N, C-alpha and C. Protein backbone atom coordinates (compact mmCIF):
# COMPACT_ATOMS: atom_id res chain seq x y z
N MET A 1 -85.04 -113.81 139.81
CA MET A 1 -85.00 -114.38 141.14
C MET A 1 -84.77 -113.32 142.21
N TYR A 2 -83.81 -112.42 141.95
CA TYR A 2 -83.48 -111.39 142.93
C TYR A 2 -82.76 -110.25 142.22
N ALA A 3 -82.84 -109.10 142.85
CA ALA A 3 -82.11 -107.92 142.39
C ALA A 3 -81.78 -107.08 143.61
N TYR A 4 -80.70 -106.34 143.54
CA TYR A 4 -80.36 -105.44 144.64
C TYR A 4 -79.78 -104.15 144.08
N ASP A 5 -79.98 -103.10 144.85
CA ASP A 5 -79.55 -101.77 144.44
C ASP A 5 -79.01 -101.06 145.67
N PHE A 6 -77.79 -100.54 145.56
CA PHE A 6 -77.21 -99.75 146.64
C PHE A 6 -77.54 -98.29 146.37
N ARG A 7 -78.50 -97.78 147.11
CA ARG A 7 -78.97 -96.41 146.91
C ARG A 7 -78.20 -95.48 147.84
N HIS A 8 -77.11 -94.95 147.34
CA HIS A 8 -76.23 -94.11 148.15
C HIS A 8 -76.92 -92.85 148.66
N ASP A 9 -77.88 -92.32 147.90
CA ASP A 9 -78.58 -91.11 148.33
C ASP A 9 -79.38 -91.33 149.61
N LEU A 10 -79.78 -92.58 149.89
CA LEU A 10 -80.57 -92.90 151.08
C LEU A 10 -79.82 -93.82 152.05
N ASN A 11 -78.58 -94.18 151.72
CA ASN A 11 -77.82 -95.16 152.51
C ASN A 11 -78.65 -96.44 152.66
N LEU A 12 -79.25 -96.87 151.56
CA LEU A 12 -80.22 -97.97 151.55
C LEU A 12 -79.78 -99.08 150.61
N LEU A 13 -79.71 -100.27 151.15
CA LEU A 13 -79.55 -101.47 150.34
C LEU A 13 -80.96 -101.99 150.07
N ASP A 14 -81.38 -101.92 148.83
CA ASP A 14 -82.74 -102.23 148.43
C ASP A 14 -82.72 -103.56 147.66
N ILE A 15 -83.35 -104.59 148.22
CA ILE A 15 -83.32 -105.93 147.65
C ILE A 15 -84.74 -106.35 147.30
N ARG A 16 -84.88 -107.05 146.18
CA ARG A 16 -86.18 -107.58 145.76
C ARG A 16 -86.02 -109.04 145.39
N TRP A 17 -86.83 -109.88 146.03
CA TRP A 17 -86.87 -111.31 145.71
C TRP A 17 -88.10 -111.55 144.86
N THR A 18 -87.92 -112.18 143.70
CA THR A 18 -89.04 -112.35 142.78
C THR A 18 -89.32 -113.81 142.45
N GLY A 19 -88.57 -114.73 143.00
CA GLY A 19 -88.79 -116.14 142.72
C GLY A 19 -88.34 -117.00 143.87
N LEU A 20 -88.66 -118.26 143.76
CA LEU A 20 -88.28 -119.21 144.81
C LEU A 20 -86.83 -119.63 144.64
N PHE A 21 -86.10 -119.61 145.74
CA PHE A 21 -84.71 -119.99 145.73
C PHE A 21 -84.57 -121.49 145.93
N THR A 22 -83.53 -122.04 145.35
CA THR A 22 -83.05 -123.37 145.71
C THR A 22 -81.83 -123.13 146.60
N PRO A 23 -81.32 -124.13 147.29
CA PRO A 23 -80.08 -123.90 148.06
C PRO A 23 -78.94 -123.39 147.18
N GLU A 24 -78.86 -123.84 145.94
CA GLU A 24 -77.80 -123.38 145.03
C GLU A 24 -77.98 -121.90 144.68
N ILE A 25 -79.20 -121.51 144.38
CA ILE A 25 -79.47 -120.09 144.08
C ILE A 25 -79.23 -119.25 145.33
N ALA A 26 -79.61 -119.75 146.49
CA ALA A 26 -79.40 -119.02 147.74
C ALA A 26 -77.91 -118.79 148.00
N THR A 27 -77.11 -119.79 147.73
CA THR A 27 -75.66 -119.66 147.92
C THR A 27 -75.10 -118.62 146.96
N ARG A 28 -75.52 -118.68 145.70
CA ARG A 28 -75.06 -117.70 144.70
C ARG A 28 -75.49 -116.29 145.08
N TYR A 29 -76.75 -116.13 145.50
CA TYR A 29 -77.27 -114.84 145.93
C TYR A 29 -76.41 -114.27 147.06
N ALA A 30 -76.17 -115.07 148.09
CA ALA A 30 -75.40 -114.60 149.24
C ALA A 30 -73.98 -114.19 148.82
N ARG A 31 -73.34 -115.00 148.01
CA ARG A 31 -71.97 -114.70 147.56
C ARG A 31 -71.95 -113.40 146.76
N GLU A 32 -72.90 -113.24 145.83
CA GLU A 32 -72.95 -112.02 145.02
C GLU A 32 -73.24 -110.80 145.88
N LEU A 33 -74.14 -110.95 146.86
CA LEU A 33 -74.49 -109.83 147.72
C LEU A 33 -73.31 -109.39 148.58
N VAL A 34 -72.59 -110.34 149.14
CA VAL A 34 -71.40 -110.01 149.95
C VAL A 34 -70.37 -109.28 149.10
N ASP A 35 -70.10 -109.81 147.91
CA ASP A 35 -69.14 -109.16 147.01
C ASP A 35 -69.58 -107.75 146.63
N ALA A 36 -70.85 -107.60 146.29
CA ALA A 36 -71.37 -106.28 145.91
C ALA A 36 -71.31 -105.31 147.09
N PHE A 37 -71.60 -105.79 148.30
CA PHE A 37 -71.54 -104.93 149.48
C PHE A 37 -70.12 -104.41 149.68
N ARG A 38 -69.15 -105.27 149.53
CA ARG A 38 -67.75 -104.86 149.69
C ARG A 38 -67.37 -103.78 148.69
N ARG A 39 -67.85 -103.90 147.47
CA ARG A 39 -67.54 -102.92 146.43
C ARG A 39 -68.35 -101.63 146.57
N SER A 40 -69.47 -101.67 147.27
CA SER A 40 -70.41 -100.54 147.32
C SER A 40 -69.91 -99.33 148.10
N GLY A 41 -69.05 -99.56 149.07
CA GLY A 41 -68.63 -98.47 149.95
C GLY A 41 -69.56 -98.29 151.14
N PHE A 42 -70.61 -99.10 151.24
CA PHE A 42 -71.51 -99.03 152.39
C PHE A 42 -70.77 -99.54 153.63
N ARG A 43 -71.22 -99.06 154.77
CA ARG A 43 -70.66 -99.46 156.06
C ARG A 43 -71.80 -99.90 156.97
N PRO A 44 -71.49 -100.59 158.07
CA PRO A 44 -72.56 -100.92 159.03
C PRO A 44 -73.33 -99.65 159.42
N GLY A 45 -74.62 -99.84 159.63
CA GLY A 45 -75.48 -98.70 159.94
C GLY A 45 -76.35 -98.28 158.77
N TYR A 46 -76.14 -98.88 157.61
CA TYR A 46 -76.98 -98.59 156.45
C TYR A 46 -78.41 -99.05 156.73
N ARG A 47 -79.34 -98.72 155.86
CA ARG A 47 -80.72 -99.18 155.95
C ARG A 47 -80.90 -100.32 154.95
N LEU A 48 -81.75 -101.29 155.30
CA LEU A 48 -81.96 -102.47 154.46
C LEU A 48 -83.45 -102.68 154.23
N ARG A 49 -83.82 -102.88 152.97
CA ARG A 49 -85.20 -103.22 152.64
C ARG A 49 -85.17 -104.46 151.75
N ILE A 50 -85.96 -105.46 152.14
CA ILE A 50 -86.12 -106.67 151.34
C ILE A 50 -87.59 -106.80 150.97
N ASP A 51 -87.86 -106.67 149.68
CA ASP A 51 -89.22 -106.72 149.17
C ASP A 51 -89.51 -108.15 148.71
N MET A 52 -90.38 -108.81 149.45
CA MET A 52 -90.79 -110.18 149.14
C MET A 52 -92.25 -110.20 148.68
N SER A 53 -92.75 -109.09 148.17
CA SER A 53 -94.17 -109.00 147.84
C SER A 53 -94.57 -109.88 146.66
N ASP A 54 -93.62 -110.32 145.85
CA ASP A 54 -93.93 -111.20 144.73
C ASP A 54 -93.98 -112.68 145.11
N ILE A 55 -93.55 -112.98 146.33
CA ILE A 55 -93.56 -114.37 146.81
C ILE A 55 -94.07 -114.38 148.24
N ALA A 56 -94.62 -115.48 148.68
CA ALA A 56 -95.11 -115.57 150.06
C ALA A 56 -93.98 -116.02 150.99
N VAL A 57 -93.39 -117.16 150.69
CA VAL A 57 -92.32 -117.72 151.51
C VAL A 57 -91.26 -118.31 150.59
N GLN A 58 -90.11 -118.53 151.16
CA GLN A 58 -89.04 -119.26 150.48
C GLN A 58 -89.01 -120.69 151.04
N PRO A 59 -88.57 -121.67 150.24
CA PRO A 59 -88.42 -123.03 150.76
C PRO A 59 -87.46 -123.04 151.95
N ARG A 60 -87.76 -123.85 152.93
CA ARG A 60 -86.99 -123.89 154.17
C ARG A 60 -85.49 -124.09 153.92
N GLU A 61 -85.13 -125.03 153.07
CA GLU A 61 -83.71 -125.31 152.81
C GLU A 61 -83.00 -124.09 152.23
N ALA A 62 -83.69 -123.40 151.34
CA ALA A 62 -83.10 -122.22 150.72
C ALA A 62 -82.95 -121.08 151.71
N ILE A 63 -83.98 -120.84 152.49
CA ILE A 63 -83.91 -119.71 153.43
C ILE A 63 -82.88 -119.97 154.53
N MET A 64 -82.73 -121.22 154.92
CA MET A 64 -81.70 -121.55 155.91
C MET A 64 -80.30 -121.37 155.32
N THR A 65 -80.16 -121.64 154.03
CA THR A 65 -78.88 -121.41 153.36
C THR A 65 -78.56 -119.92 153.35
N VAL A 66 -79.53 -119.09 152.99
CA VAL A 66 -79.32 -117.63 153.00
C VAL A 66 -78.96 -117.18 154.41
N HIS A 67 -79.72 -117.64 155.39
CA HIS A 67 -79.51 -117.26 156.79
C HIS A 67 -78.08 -117.60 157.23
N GLU A 68 -77.62 -118.79 156.91
CA GLU A 68 -76.28 -119.23 157.31
C GLU A 68 -75.19 -118.49 156.54
N CYS A 69 -75.37 -118.33 155.24
CA CYS A 69 -74.35 -117.67 154.42
C CYS A 69 -74.17 -116.18 154.76
N LEU A 70 -75.23 -115.55 155.26
CA LEU A 70 -75.17 -114.12 155.57
C LEU A 70 -75.07 -113.84 157.07
N ARG A 71 -74.71 -114.86 157.83
CA ARG A 71 -74.61 -114.73 159.29
C ARG A 71 -73.71 -113.55 159.70
N ASP A 72 -72.61 -113.33 159.00
CA ASP A 72 -71.66 -112.28 159.37
C ASP A 72 -71.78 -111.03 158.49
N PHE A 73 -72.90 -110.89 157.80
CA PHE A 73 -73.11 -109.73 156.94
C PHE A 73 -73.14 -108.46 157.79
N PRO A 74 -72.56 -107.36 157.31
CA PRO A 74 -72.56 -106.11 158.10
C PRO A 74 -73.98 -105.71 158.54
N ARG A 75 -74.07 -105.24 159.76
CA ARG A 75 -75.35 -104.95 160.40
C ARG A 75 -75.96 -103.64 159.91
N ALA A 76 -77.25 -103.72 159.61
CA ALA A 76 -78.02 -102.53 159.25
C ALA A 76 -78.53 -101.85 160.52
N SER A 77 -78.91 -100.58 160.41
CA SER A 77 -79.49 -99.88 161.56
C SER A 77 -81.01 -100.03 161.59
N ARG A 78 -81.61 -100.28 160.43
CA ARG A 78 -83.04 -100.56 160.31
C ARG A 78 -83.23 -101.55 159.17
N ILE A 79 -84.17 -102.46 159.37
CA ILE A 79 -84.52 -103.43 158.34
C ILE A 79 -86.02 -103.39 158.12
N ALA A 80 -86.41 -103.24 156.87
CA ALA A 80 -87.82 -103.30 156.50
C ALA A 80 -88.01 -104.48 155.56
N MET A 81 -88.96 -105.32 155.89
CA MET A 81 -89.34 -106.45 155.05
C MET A 81 -90.73 -106.14 154.51
N ILE A 82 -90.96 -106.45 153.24
CA ILE A 82 -92.27 -106.25 152.64
C ILE A 82 -92.82 -107.62 152.30
N ASN A 83 -93.92 -107.95 152.97
CA ASN A 83 -94.56 -109.25 152.76
C ASN A 83 -95.98 -109.18 153.30
N ARG A 84 -96.93 -109.47 152.45
CA ARG A 84 -98.34 -109.39 152.84
C ARG A 84 -98.90 -110.73 153.32
N SER A 85 -98.14 -111.79 153.18
CA SER A 85 -98.60 -113.14 153.51
C SER A 85 -98.41 -113.44 154.99
N ALA A 86 -99.45 -113.99 155.62
CA ALA A 86 -99.33 -114.37 157.03
C ALA A 86 -98.25 -115.43 157.22
N ILE A 87 -98.17 -116.38 156.31
CA ILE A 87 -97.14 -117.42 156.41
C ILE A 87 -95.76 -116.81 156.20
N GLY A 88 -95.65 -115.90 155.25
CA GLY A 88 -94.38 -115.23 155.02
C GLY A 88 -93.94 -114.43 156.22
N ARG A 89 -94.86 -113.76 156.86
CA ARG A 89 -94.54 -112.98 158.07
C ARG A 89 -94.09 -113.90 159.20
N GLN A 90 -94.68 -115.08 159.30
CA GLN A 90 -94.25 -116.05 160.32
C GLN A 90 -92.82 -116.51 160.04
N GLN A 91 -92.50 -116.76 158.78
CA GLN A 91 -91.14 -117.17 158.43
C GLN A 91 -90.14 -116.07 158.80
N ILE A 92 -90.49 -114.84 158.51
CA ILE A 92 -89.62 -113.72 158.85
C ILE A 92 -89.43 -113.63 160.37
N ALA A 93 -90.51 -113.73 161.12
CA ALA A 93 -90.44 -113.62 162.58
C ALA A 93 -89.60 -114.73 163.20
N ARG A 94 -89.64 -115.92 162.63
CA ARG A 94 -88.84 -117.03 163.16
C ARG A 94 -87.35 -116.80 162.97
N LEU A 95 -86.97 -116.22 161.85
CA LEU A 95 -85.56 -116.12 161.50
C LEU A 95 -84.93 -114.76 161.80
N MET A 96 -85.72 -113.73 161.81
CA MET A 96 -85.17 -112.38 161.96
C MET A 96 -85.76 -111.73 163.21
N THR A 97 -84.99 -111.73 164.25
CA THR A 97 -85.48 -111.27 165.55
C THR A 97 -84.94 -109.90 165.95
N GLN A 98 -84.33 -109.22 165.02
CA GLN A 98 -83.75 -107.92 165.35
C GLN A 98 -84.84 -106.94 165.80
N PRO A 99 -84.58 -106.19 166.88
CA PRO A 99 -85.58 -105.22 167.35
C PRO A 99 -85.73 -104.03 166.40
N TYR A 100 -84.81 -103.85 165.48
CA TYR A 100 -84.86 -102.74 164.52
C TYR A 100 -85.41 -103.20 163.17
N LEU A 101 -86.22 -104.26 163.18
CA LEU A 101 -86.87 -104.79 161.98
C LEU A 101 -88.36 -104.55 162.05
N ARG A 102 -88.96 -104.17 160.93
CA ARG A 102 -90.41 -104.02 160.81
C ARG A 102 -90.84 -104.69 159.51
N VAL A 103 -92.06 -105.25 159.51
CA VAL A 103 -92.62 -105.87 158.32
C VAL A 103 -93.77 -104.99 157.83
N PHE A 104 -93.80 -104.75 156.55
CA PHE A 104 -94.79 -103.87 155.93
C PHE A 104 -95.54 -104.58 154.83
N ASP A 105 -96.75 -104.11 154.57
CA ASP A 105 -97.53 -104.59 153.44
C ASP A 105 -97.13 -103.89 152.15
N ARG A 106 -96.72 -102.63 152.27
CA ARG A 106 -96.46 -101.80 151.09
C ARG A 106 -95.04 -101.23 151.11
N ALA A 107 -94.41 -101.23 149.94
CA ALA A 107 -93.05 -100.72 149.82
C ALA A 107 -92.98 -99.24 150.20
N GLU A 108 -94.00 -98.47 149.84
CA GLU A 108 -93.99 -97.04 150.13
C GLU A 108 -93.92 -96.77 151.63
N ASP A 109 -94.70 -97.54 152.40
CA ASP A 109 -94.69 -97.37 153.86
C ASP A 109 -93.33 -97.72 154.44
N SER A 110 -92.71 -98.75 153.89
CA SER A 110 -91.41 -99.16 154.41
C SER A 110 -90.36 -98.09 154.17
N LEU A 111 -90.41 -97.46 153.01
CA LEU A 111 -89.43 -96.42 152.70
C LEU A 111 -89.61 -95.21 153.61
N ASP A 112 -90.85 -94.85 153.92
CA ASP A 112 -91.09 -93.75 154.85
C ASP A 112 -90.44 -94.04 156.20
N TRP A 113 -90.61 -95.26 156.71
CA TRP A 113 -90.04 -95.62 158.00
C TRP A 113 -88.51 -95.68 157.94
N LEU A 114 -87.99 -96.27 156.87
CA LEU A 114 -86.54 -96.40 156.75
C LEU A 114 -85.83 -95.06 156.66
N THR A 115 -86.45 -94.09 156.04
CA THR A 115 -85.78 -92.80 155.83
C THR A 115 -86.14 -91.76 156.88
N ALA A 116 -86.98 -92.12 157.83
CA ALA A 116 -87.33 -91.18 158.92
C ALA A 116 -86.08 -90.98 159.79
N PRO A 117 -85.93 -89.78 160.34
CA PRO A 117 -84.79 -89.52 161.22
C PRO A 117 -84.81 -90.45 162.44
N GLU A 118 -83.63 -90.78 162.91
CA GLU A 118 -83.50 -91.59 164.13
C GLU A 118 -84.12 -90.84 165.30
N GLU A 119 -84.80 -91.59 166.17
CA GLU A 119 -85.35 -90.98 167.37
C GLU A 119 -84.22 -90.84 168.40
N VAL A 120 -84.23 -89.74 169.09
CA VAL A 120 -83.23 -89.48 170.10
C VAL A 120 -83.77 -89.90 171.46
N ALA A 121 -82.98 -90.71 172.19
CA ALA A 121 -83.40 -91.15 173.51
C ALA A 121 -83.35 -89.98 174.49
N ALA A 122 -84.32 -89.94 175.38
CA ALA A 122 -84.40 -88.84 176.35
C ALA A 122 -83.43 -89.00 177.47
């Protein structure tokens, strides 16, 4: 259903969703992710990648559960979502409005963007 990896070498929380969530699975996922984040040593400002390339969309009830359960999750400095589906991209755009979020077709492209140096304002 899901897997996550705290990649300390890149300051990257790397998440992969591989199946459809139910509200119960979504609640378990959020609880496990919060607990793992606390143990990881990561701090706000990390990079986040969520690879949804194995699924197009999540059921509305499940995605709203994830959204609500992770409302206070520590903020990333960049978020990359991987989803090739037009419907999936619409779901992401409705729920995730952060200006530091980008959606990619390919995981490789997302990693290049996530690990690029921060741009300095003039």
